[in-house]
Amino acid sequence: MDRQQLQRHVDELRQELDRLPADAPGRERLQQLVARIDAQLDEHHPSEPQESFQQGMQEAVTEFEADHPRAAALLRRFVDTLSSMGI
């Protein structure tokens, strides 16, 4: 697993975001998470410590499980991929 797989997960998350109605609860939060992921994946300038980032992603999974189970599953796969890479 590598950076390309992480990028595929982010792309899937963007597609899920595009499917949500503009006024869907949590849509803005999901947009913020995608931006946070993009910033973190910038290999030259990660935006925050890895531990803090992963904790935030785990919290987001819990936050979205009820209203947006598909988005939560995509976030979970992203976190699992990071873990399997030792990140």
PDB file of N, CA and C in Angstrom:
ATOM      1  N   MET A   1       0.844  -1.175   0.000  1.00  0.00           N
ATOM      2  CA  MET A   1       0.000   0.000   0.000  1.00  0.00           C
ATOM      3  C   MET A   1       0.887   1.234   0.000  1.00  0.00           C
ATOM      4  N   ASP A   2       0.457   2.204  -0.717  1.00  0.00           N
ATOM      5  CA  ASP A   2       1.302   3.374  -0.855  1.00  0.00           C
ATOM      6  C   ASP A   2       0.469   4.635  -0.994  1.00  0.00           C
ATOM      7  N   ARG A   3       1.147   5.667  -1.324  1.00  0.00           N
ATOM      8  CA  ARG A   3       0.521   6.977  -1.480  1.00  0.00           C
ATOM      9  C   ARG A   3      -0.610   6.958  -2.515  1.00  0.00           C
ATOM     10  N   GLN A   4      -0.446   6.165  -3.560  1.00  0.00           N
ATOM     11  CA  GLN A   4      -1.496   6.089  -4.588  1.00  0.00           C
ATOM     12  C   GLN A   4      -2.784   5.522  -3.999  1.00  0.00           C
ATOM     13  N   GLN A   5      -2.652   4.532  -3.134  1.00  0.00           N
ATOM     14  CA  GLN A   5      -3.841   3.963  -2.504  1.00  0.00           C
ATOM     15  C   GLN A   5      -4.504   5.002  -1.599  1.00  0.00           C
ATOM     16  N   LEU A   6      -3.705   5.737  -0.859  1.00  0.00           N
ATOM     17  CA  LEU A   6      -4.268   6.804  -0.028  1.00  0.00           C
ATOM     18  C   LEU A   6      -5.018   7.811  -0.892  1.00  0.00           C
ATOM     19  N   GLN A   7      -4.433   8.162  -2.020  1.00  0.00           N
ATOM     20  CA  GLN A   7      -5.078   9.123  -2.917  1.00  0.00           C
ATOM     21  C   GLN A   7      -6.387   8.564  -3.469  1.00  0.00           C
ATOM     22  N   ARG A   8      -6.430   7.271  -3.765  1.00  0.00           N
ATOM     23  CA  ARG A   8      -7.682   6.655  -4.236  1.00  0.00           C
ATOM     24  C   ARG A   8      -8.770   6.769  -3.173  1.00  0.00           C
ATOM     25  N   HIS A   9      -8.391   6.544  -1.915  1.00  0.00           N
ATOM     26  CA  HIS A   9      -9.372   6.681  -0.831  1.00  0.00           C
ATOM     27  C   HIS A   9      -9.899   8.113  -0.750  1.00  0.00           C
ATOM     28  N   VAL A  10      -9.019   9.071  -0.900  1.00  0.00           N
ATOM     29  CA  VAL A  10      -9.429  10.482  -0.862  1.00  0.00           C
ATOM     30  C   VAL A  10     -10.344  10.792  -2.046  1.00  0.00           C
ATOM     31  N   ASP A  11     -10.020  10.265  -3.210  1.00  0.00           N
ATOM     32  CA  ASP A  11     -10.869  10.478  -4.392  1.00  0.00           C
ATOM     33  C   ASP A  11     -12.260   9.890  -4.176  1.00  0.00           C
ATOM     34  N   GLU A  12     -12.332   8.706  -3.575  1.00  0.00           N
ATOM     35  CA  GLU A  12     -13.631   8.090  -3.275  1.00  0.00           C
ATOM     36  C   GLU A  12     -14.408   8.952  -2.282  1.00  0.00           C
ATOM     37  N   LEU A  13     -13.706   9.497  -1.312  1.00  0.00           N
ATOM     38  CA  LEU A  13     -14.350  10.367  -0.334  1.00  0.00           C
ATOM     39  C   LEU A  13     -14.902  11.625  -1.009  1.00  0.00           C
ATOM     40  N   ARG A  14     -14.162  12.168  -1.949  1.00  0.00           N
ATOM     41  CA  ARG A  14     -14.647  13.338  -2.712  1.00  0.00           C
ATOM     42  C   ARG A  14     -15.906  12.982  -3.507  1.00  0.00           C
ATOM     43  N   GLN A  15     -15.913  11.801  -4.113  1.00  0.00           N
ATOM     44  CA  GLN A  15     -17.091  11.370  -4.872  1.00  0.00           C
ATOM     45  C   GLN A  15     -18.303  11.257  -3.955  1.00  0.00           C
ATOM     46  N   GLU A  16     -18.095  10.709  -2.772  1.00  0.00           N
ATOM     47  CA  GLU A  16     -19.184  10.606  -1.804  1.00  0.00           C
ATOM     48  C   GLU A  16     -19.663  11.999  -1.401  1.00  0.00           C
ATOM     49  N   LEU A  17     -18.753  12.903  -1.204  1.00  0.00           N
ATOM     50  CA  LEU A  17     -19.095  14.280  -0.858  1.00  0.00           C
ATOM     51  C   LEU A  17     -19.932  14.914  -1.968  1.00  0.00           C
ATOM     52  N   ASP A  18     -19.571  14.663  -3.209  1.00  0.00           N
ATOM     53  CA  ASP A  18     -20.318  15.210  -4.346  1.00  0.00           C
ATOM     54  C   ASP A  18     -21.741  14.664  -4.418  1.00  0.00           C
ATOM     55  N   ARG A  19     -21.965  13.476  -3.885  1.00  0.00           N
ATOM     56  CA  ARG A  19     -23.303  12.870  -3.902  1.00  0.00           C
ATOM     57  C   ARG A  19     -24.233  13.472  -2.851  1.00  0.00           C
ATOM     58  N   LEU A  20     -23.654  14.078  -1.830  1.00  0.00           N
ATOM     59  CA  LEU A  20     -24.479  14.629  -0.754  1.00  0.00           C
ATOM     60  C   LEU A  20     -25.153  15.918  -1.201  1.00  0.00           C
ATOM     61  N   PRO A  21     -26.409  16.115  -0.811  1.00  0.00           N
ATOM     62  CA  PRO A  21     -27.066  17.386  -1.112  1.00  0.00           C
ATOM     63  C   PRO A  21     -26.296  18.538  -0.465  1.00  0.00           C
ATOM     64  N   ALA A  22     -26.376  19.697  -1.073  1.00  0.00           N
ATOM     65  CA  ALA A  22     -25.638  20.867  -0.580  1.00  0.00           C
ATOM     66  C   ALA A  22     -25.996  21.204   0.862  1.00  0.00           C
ATOM     67  N   ASP A  23     -27.234  20.904   1.259  1.00  0.00           N
ATOM     68  CA  ASP A  23     -27.663  21.242   2.615  1.00  0.00           C
ATOM     69  C   ASP A  23     -27.621  20.047   3.567  1.00  0.00           C
ATOM     70  N   ALA A  24     -26.974  18.968   3.172  1.00  0.00           N
ATOM     71  CA  ALA A  24     -26.900  17.775   4.018  1.00  0.00           C
ATOM     72  C   ALA A  24     -26.136  18.076   5.306  1.00  0.00           C
ATOM     73  N   PRO A  25     -26.669  17.582   6.432  1.00  0.00           N
ATOM     74  CA  PRO A  25     -25.946  17.776   7.687  1.00  0.00           C
ATOM     75  C   PRO A  25     -24.559  17.126   7.599  1.00  0.00           C
ATOM     76  N   GLY A  26     -23.570  17.830   8.043  1.00  0.00           N
ATOM     77  CA  GLY A  26     -22.224  17.271   8.046  1.00  0.00           C
ATOM     78  C   GLY A  26     -21.439  17.485   6.765  1.00  0.00           C
ATOM     79  N   ARG A  27     -22.091  17.998   5.724  1.00  0.00           N
ATOM     80  CA  ARG A  27     -21.389  18.163   4.440  1.00  0.00           C
ATOM     81  C   ARG A  27     -20.201  19.114   4.567  1.00  0.00           C
ATOM     82  N   GLU A  28     -20.415  20.226   5.245  1.00  0.00           N
ATOM     83  CA  GLU A  28     -19.326  21.196   5.411  1.00  0.00           C
ATOM     84  C   GLU A  28     -18.173  20.576   6.211  1.00  0.00           C
ATOM     85  N   ARG A  29     -18.520  19.825   7.239  1.00  0.00           N
ATOM     86  CA  ARG A  29     -17.492  19.154   8.055  1.00  0.00           C
ATOM     87  C   ARG A  29     -16.704  18.166   7.198  1.00  0.00           C
ATOM     88  N   LEU A  30     -17.389  17.448   6.335  1.00  0.00           N
ATOM     89  CA  LEU A  30     -16.720  16.491   5.457  1.00  0.00           C
ATOM     90  C   LEU A  30     -15.791  17.216   4.481  1.00  0.00           C
ATOM     91  N   GLN A  31     -16.218  18.361   3.982  1.00  0.00           N
ATOM     92  CA  GLN A  31     -15.353  19.164   3.107  1.00  0.00           C
ATOM     93  C   GLN A  31     -14.087  19.586   3.852  1.00  0.00           C
ATOM     94  N   GLN A  32     -14.249  19.968   5.102  1.00  0.00           N
ATOM     95  CA  GLN A  32     -13.093  20.356   5.915  1.00  0.00           C
ATOM     96  C   GLN A  32     -12.145  19.177   6.111  1.00  0.00           C
ATOM     97  N   LEU A  33     -12.698  17.993   6.316  1.00  0.00           N
ATOM     98  CA  LEU A  33     -11.860  16.806   6.491  1.00  0.00           C
ATOM     99  C   LEU A  33     -11.066  16.489   5.231  1.00  0.00           C
ATOM    100  N   VAL A  34     -11.710  16.610   4.082  1.00  0.00           N
ATOM    101  CA  VAL A  34     -11.007  16.351   2.820  1.00  0.00           C
ATOM    102  C   VAL A  34      -9.857  17.350   2.655  1.00  0.00           C
ATOM    103  N   ALA A  35     -10.103  18.616   2.985  1.00  0.00           N
ATOM    104  CA  ALA A  35      -9.037  19.621   2.907  1.00  0.00           C
ATOM    105  C   ALA A  35      -7.918  19.293   3.891  1.00  0.00           C
ATOM    106  N   ARG A  36      -8.286  18.826   5.066  1.00  0.00           N
ATOM    107  CA  ARG A  36      -7.290  18.442   6.081  1.00  0.00           C
ATOM    108  C   ARG A  36      -6.448  17.265   5.593  1.00  0.00           C
ATOM    109  N   ILE A  37      -7.102  16.302   4.965  1.00  0.00           N
ATOM    110  CA  ILE A  37      -6.387  15.145   4.416  1.00  0.00           C
ATOM    111  C   ILE A  37      -5.428  15.601   3.321  1.00  0.00           C
ATOM    112  N   ASP A  38      -5.918  16.450   2.424  1.00  0.00           N
ATOM    113  CA  ASP A  38      -5.053  16.963   1.350  1.00  0.00           C
ATOM    114  C   ASP A  38      -3.810  17.641   1.922  1.00  0.00           C
ATOM    115  N   ALA A  39      -4.017  18.466   2.941  1.00  0.00           N
ATOM    116  CA  ALA A  39      -2.892  19.170   3.557  1.00  0.00           C
ATOM    117  C   ALA A  39      -1.919  18.185   4.196  1.00  0.00           C
ATOM    118  N   GLN A  40      -2.443  17.142   4.804  1.00  0.00           N
ATOM    119  CA  GLN A  40      -1.591  16.160   5.470  1.00  0.00           C
ATOM    120  C   GLN A  40      -0.819  15.322   4.460  1.00  0.00           C
ATOM    121  N   LEU A  41      -1.416  15.071   3.311  1.00  0.00           N
ATOM    122  CA  LEU A  41      -0.754  14.244   2.303  1.00  0.00           C
ATOM    123  C   LEU A  41       0.319  15.003   1.528  1.00  0.00           C
ATOM    124  N   ASP A  42       0.386  16.312   1.733  1.00  0.00           N
ATOM    125  CA  ASP A  42       1.467  17.076   1.108  1.00  0.00           C
ATOM    126  C   ASP A  42       2.768  16.622   1.754  1.00  0.00           C
ATOM    127  N   GLU A  43       3.480  15.751   1.057  1.00  0.00           N
ATOM    128  CA  GLU A  43       4.648  15.107   1.646  1.00  0.00           C
ATOM    129  C   GLU A  43       5.748  16.087   2.042  1.00  0.00           C
ATOM    130  N   HIS A  44       5.770  17.249   1.479  1.00  0.00           N
ATOM    131  CA  HIS A  44       6.817  18.208   1.805  1.00  0.00           C
ATOM    132  C   HIS A  44       6.472  19.068   3.020  1.00  0.00           C
ATOM    133  N   HIS A  45       5.177  19.246   3.264  1.00  0.00           N
ATOM    134  CA  HIS A  45       4.767  20.121   4.363  1.00  0.00           C
ATOM    135  C   HIS A  45       3.514  19.576   5.053  1.00  0.00           C
ATOM    136  N   PRO A  46       3.602  18.452   5.757  1.00  0.00           N
ATOM    137  CA  PRO A  46       2.404  17.983   6.452  1.00  0.00           C
ATOM    138  C   PRO A  46       1.894  19.057   7.412  1.00  0.00           C
ATOM    139  N   SER A  47       0.592  19.137   7.548  1.00  0.00           N
ATOM    140  CA  SER A  47      -0.013  20.247   8.280  1.00  0.00           C
ATOM    141  C   SER A  47      -0.060  20.054   9.793  1.00  0.00           C
ATOM    142  N   GLU A  48       0.079  18.826  10.274  1.00  0.00           N
ATOM    143  CA  GLU A  48      -0.013  18.585  11.710  1.00  0.00           C
ATOM    144  C   GLU A  48       0.696  17.283  12.056  1.00  0.00           C
ATOM    145  N   PRO A  49       0.993  17.079  13.336  1.00  0.00           N
ATOM    146  CA  PRO A  49       1.631  15.820  13.733  1.00  0.00           C
ATOM    147  C   PRO A  49       0.753  14.623  13.372  1.00  0.00           C
ATOM    148  N   GLN A  50       1.375  13.544  12.957  1.00  0.00           N
ATOM    149  CA  GLN A  50       0.643  12.371  12.482  1.00  0.00           C
ATOM    150  C   GLN A  50      -0.320  11.819  13.530  1.00  0.00           C
ATOM    151  N   GLU A  51       0.104  11.761  14.776  1.00  0.00           N
ATOM    152  CA  GLU A  51      -0.753  11.212  15.828  1.00  0.00           C
ATOM    153  C   GLU A  51      -2.029  12.029  15.981  1.00  0.00           C
ATOM    154  N   SER A  52      -1.908  13.336  15.971  1.00  0.00           N
ATOM    155  CA  SER A  52      -3.058  14.223  16.075  1.00  0.00           C
ATOM    156  C   SER A  52      -3.986  14.048  14.872  1.00  0.00           C
ATOM    157  N   PHE A  53      -3.389  13.924  13.703  1.00  0.00           N
ATOM    158  CA  PHE A  53      -4.160  13.739  12.476  1.00  0.00           C
ATOM    159  C   PHE A  53      -4.971  12.450  12.538  1.00  0.00           C
ATOM    160  N   GLN A  54      -4.320  11.346  12.910  1.00  0.00           N
ATOM    161  CA  GLN A  54      -5.023  10.064  12.963  1.00  0.00           C
ATOM    162  C   GLN A  54      -6.132  10.077  14.005  1.00  0.00           C
ATOM    163  N   GLN A  55      -5.892  10.691  15.138  1.00  0.00           N
ATOM    164  CA  GLN A  55      -6.924  10.781  16.163  1.00  0.00           C
ATOM    165  C   GLN A  55      -8.132  11.558  15.628  1.00  0.00           C
ATOM    166  N   GLY A  56      -7.870  12.650  14.924  1.00  0.00           N
ATOM    167  CA  GLY A  56      -8.959  13.429  14.336  1.00  0.00           C
ATOM    168  C   GLY A  56      -9.753  12.633  13.313  1.00  0.00           C
ATOM    169  N   MET A  57      -9.068  11.810  12.533  1.00  0.00           N
ATOM    170  CA  MET A  57      -9.755  10.978  11.545  1.00  0.00           C
ATOM    171  C   MET A  57     -10.607   9.914  12.237  1.00  0.00           C
ATOM    172  N   GLN A  58     -10.097   9.323  13.314  1.00  0.00           N
ATOM    173  CA  GLN A  58     -10.875   8.332  14.071  1.00  0.00           C
ATOM    174  C   GLN A  58     -12.135   8.977  14.646  1.00  0.00           C
ATOM    175  N   GLU A  59     -11.999  10.176  15.161  1.00  0.00           N
ATOM    176  CA  GLU A  59     -13.155  10.897  15.696  1.00  0.00           C
ATOM    177  C   GLU A  59     -14.171  11.183  14.594  1.00  0.00           C
ATOM    178  N   ALA A  60     -13.698  11.503  13.411  1.00  0.00           N
ATOM    179  CA  ALA A  60     -14.594  11.772  12.283  1.00  0.00           C
ATOM    180  C   ALA A  60     -15.359  10.516  11.884  1.00  0.00           C
ATOM    181  N   VAL A  61     -14.696   9.364  11.923  1.00  0.00           N
ATOM    182  CA  VAL A  61     -15.376   8.103  11.609  1.00  0.00           C
ATOM    183  C   VAL A  61     -16.569   7.942  12.544  1.00  0.00           C
ATOM    184  N   THR A  62     -16.345   8.127  13.830  1.00  0.00           N
ATOM    185  CA  THR A  62     -17.418   8.000  14.818  1.00  0.00           C
ATOM    186  C   THR A  62     -18.518   9.027  14.564  1.00  0.00           C
ATOM    187  N   GLU A  63     -18.120  10.232  14.250  1.00  0.00           N
ATOM    188  CA  GLU A  63     -19.067  11.326  14.014  1.00  0.00           C
ATOM    189  C   GLU A  63     -20.000  11.039  12.835  1.00  0.00           C
ATOM    190  N   PHE A  64     -19.483  10.423  11.779  1.00  0.00           N
ATOM    191  CA  PHE A  64     -20.259  10.231  10.554  1.00  0.00           C
ATOM    192  C   PHE A  64     -20.969   8.886  10.460  1.00  0.00           C
ATOM    193  N   GLU A  65     -20.717   7.971  11.382  1.00  0.00           N
ATOM    194  CA  GLU A  65     -21.286   6.628  11.260  1.00  0.00           C
ATOM    195  C   GLU A  65     -22.804   6.620  11.137  1.00  0.00           C
ATOM    196  N   ALA A  66     -23.492   7.431  11.905  1.00  0.00           N
ATOM    197  CA  ALA A  66     -24.954   7.399  11.891  1.00  0.00           C
ATOM    198  C   ALA A  66     -25.556   8.052  10.647  1.00  0.00           C
ATOM    199  N   ASP A  67     -25.127   9.264  10.331  1.00  0.00           N
ATOM    200  CA  ASP A  67     -25.746  10.013   9.234  1.00  0.00           C
ATOM    201  C   ASP A  67     -25.140   9.734   7.864  1.00  0.00           C
ATOM    202  N   HIS A  68     -23.870   9.382   7.842  1.00  0.00           N
ATOM    203  CA  HIS A  68     -23.169   9.174   6.567  1.00  0.00           C
ATOM    204  C   HIS A  68     -22.294   7.922   6.653  1.00  0.00           C
ATOM    205  N   PRO A  69     -22.937   6.748   6.713  1.00  0.00           N
ATOM    206  CA  PRO A  69     -22.160   5.514   6.909  1.00  0.00           C
ATOM    207  C   PRO A  69     -21.142   5.245   5.803  1.00  0.00           C
ATOM    208  N   ARG A  70     -21.464   5.610   4.579  1.00  0.00           N
ATOM    209  CA  ARG A  70     -20.498   5.379   3.495  1.00  0.00           C
ATOM    210  C   ARG A  70     -19.264   6.269   3.670  1.00  0.00           C
ATOM    211  N   ALA A  71     -19.472   7.525   4.002  1.00  0.00           N
ATOM    212  CA  ALA A  71     -18.338   8.421   4.248  1.00  0.00           C
ATOM    213  C   ALA A  71     -17.514   7.916   5.427  1.00  0.00           C
ATOM    214  N   ALA A  72     -18.181   7.436   6.473  1.00  0.00           N
ATOM    215  CA  ALA A  72     -17.465   6.893   7.633  1.00  0.00           C
ATOM    216  C   ALA A  72     -16.632   5.683   7.231  1.00  0.00           C
ATOM    217  N   ALA A  73     -17.192   4.819   6.396  1.00  0.00           N
ATOM    218  CA  ALA A  73     -16.452   3.636   5.942  1.00  0.00           C
ATOM    219  C   ALA A  73     -15.233   4.039   5.113  1.00  0.00           C
ATOM    220  N   LEU A  74     -15.385   5.044   4.273  1.00  0.00           N
ATOM    221  CA  LEU A  74     -14.254   5.518   3.464  1.00  0.00           C
ATOM    222  C   LEU A  74     -13.162   6.118   4.346  1.00  0.00           C
ATOM    223  N   LEU A  75     -13.566   6.883   5.341  1.00  0.00           N
ATOM    224  CA  LEU A  75     -12.588   7.442   6.281  1.00  0.00           C
ATOM    225  C   LEU A  75     -11.880   6.326   7.042  1.00  0.00           C
ATOM    226  N   ARG A  76     -12.641   5.313   7.447  1.00  0.00           N
ATOM    227  CA  ARG A  76     -12.058   4.178   8.172  1.00  0.00           C
ATOM    228  C   ARG A  76     -11.017   3.477   7.309  1.00  0.00           C
ATOM    229  N   ARG A  77     -11.323   3.268   6.034  1.00  0.00           N
ATOM    230  CA  ARG A  77     -10.344   2.627   5.136  1.00  0.00           C
ATOM    231  C   ARG A  77      -9.095   3.475   4.999  1.00  0.00           C
ATOM    232  N   PHE A  78      -9.262   4.783   4.944  1.00  0.00           N
ATOM    233  CA  PHE A  78      -8.118   5.683   4.860  1.00  0.00           C
ATOM    234  C   PHE A  78      -7.232   5.519   6.099  1.00  0.00           C
ATOM    235  N   VAL A  79      -7.849   5.529   7.280  1.00  0.00           N
ATOM    236  CA  VAL A  79      -7.103   5.377   8.535  1.00  0.00           C
ATOM    237  C   VAL A  79      -6.431   4.009   8.587  1.00  0.00           C
ATOM    238  N   ASP A  80      -7.141   2.970   8.168  1.00  0.00           N
ATOM    239  CA  ASP A  80      -6.560   1.624   8.155  1.00  0.00           C
ATOM    240  C   ASP A  80      -5.355   1.552   7.220  1.00  0.00           C
ATOM    241  N   THR A  81      -5.448   2.218   6.084  1.00  0.00           N
ATOM    242  CA  THR A  81      -4.328   2.233   5.139  1.00  0.00           C
ATOM    243  C   THR A  81      -3.125   2.936   5.754  1.00  0.00           C
ATOM    244  N   LEU A  82      -3.358   4.053   6.417  1.00  0.00           N
ATOM    245  CA  LEU A  82      -2.261   4.743   7.102  1.00  0.00           C
ATOM    246  C   LEU A  82      -1.599   3.820   8.119  1.00  0.00           C
ATOM    247  N   SER A  83      -2.424   3.129   8.884  1.00  0.00           N
ATOM    248  CA  SER A  83      -1.887   2.225   9.907  1.00  0.00           C
ATOM    249  C   SER A  83      -1.073   1.103   9.292  1.00  0.00           C
ATOM    250  N   SER A  84      -1.567   0.544   8.204  1.00  0.00           N
ATOM    251  CA  SER A  84      -0.850  -0.564   7.569  1.00  0.00           C
ATOM    252  C   SER A  84       0.474  -0.109   6.961  1.00  0.00           C
ATOM    253  N   MET A  85       0.571   1.191   6.678  1.00  0.00           N
ATOM    254  CA  MET A  85       1.813   1.748   6.152  1.00  0.00           C
ATOM    255  C   MET A  85       2.770   2.132   7.277  1.00  0.00           C
ATOM    256  N   GLY A  86       2.301   1.974   8.513  1.00  0.00           N
ATOM    257  CA  GLY A  86       3.133   2.346   9.646  1.00  0.00           C
ATOM    258  C   GLY A  86       3.160   3.832   9.918  1.00  0.00           C
ATOM    259  N   ILE A  87       2.143   4.510   9.437  1.00  0.00           N
ATOM    260  CA  ILE A  87       2.068   5.972   9.609  1.00  0.00           C
ATOM    261  C   ILE A  87       1.096   6.291  10.729  1.00  0.00           C
TER     262      ILE A  87
END
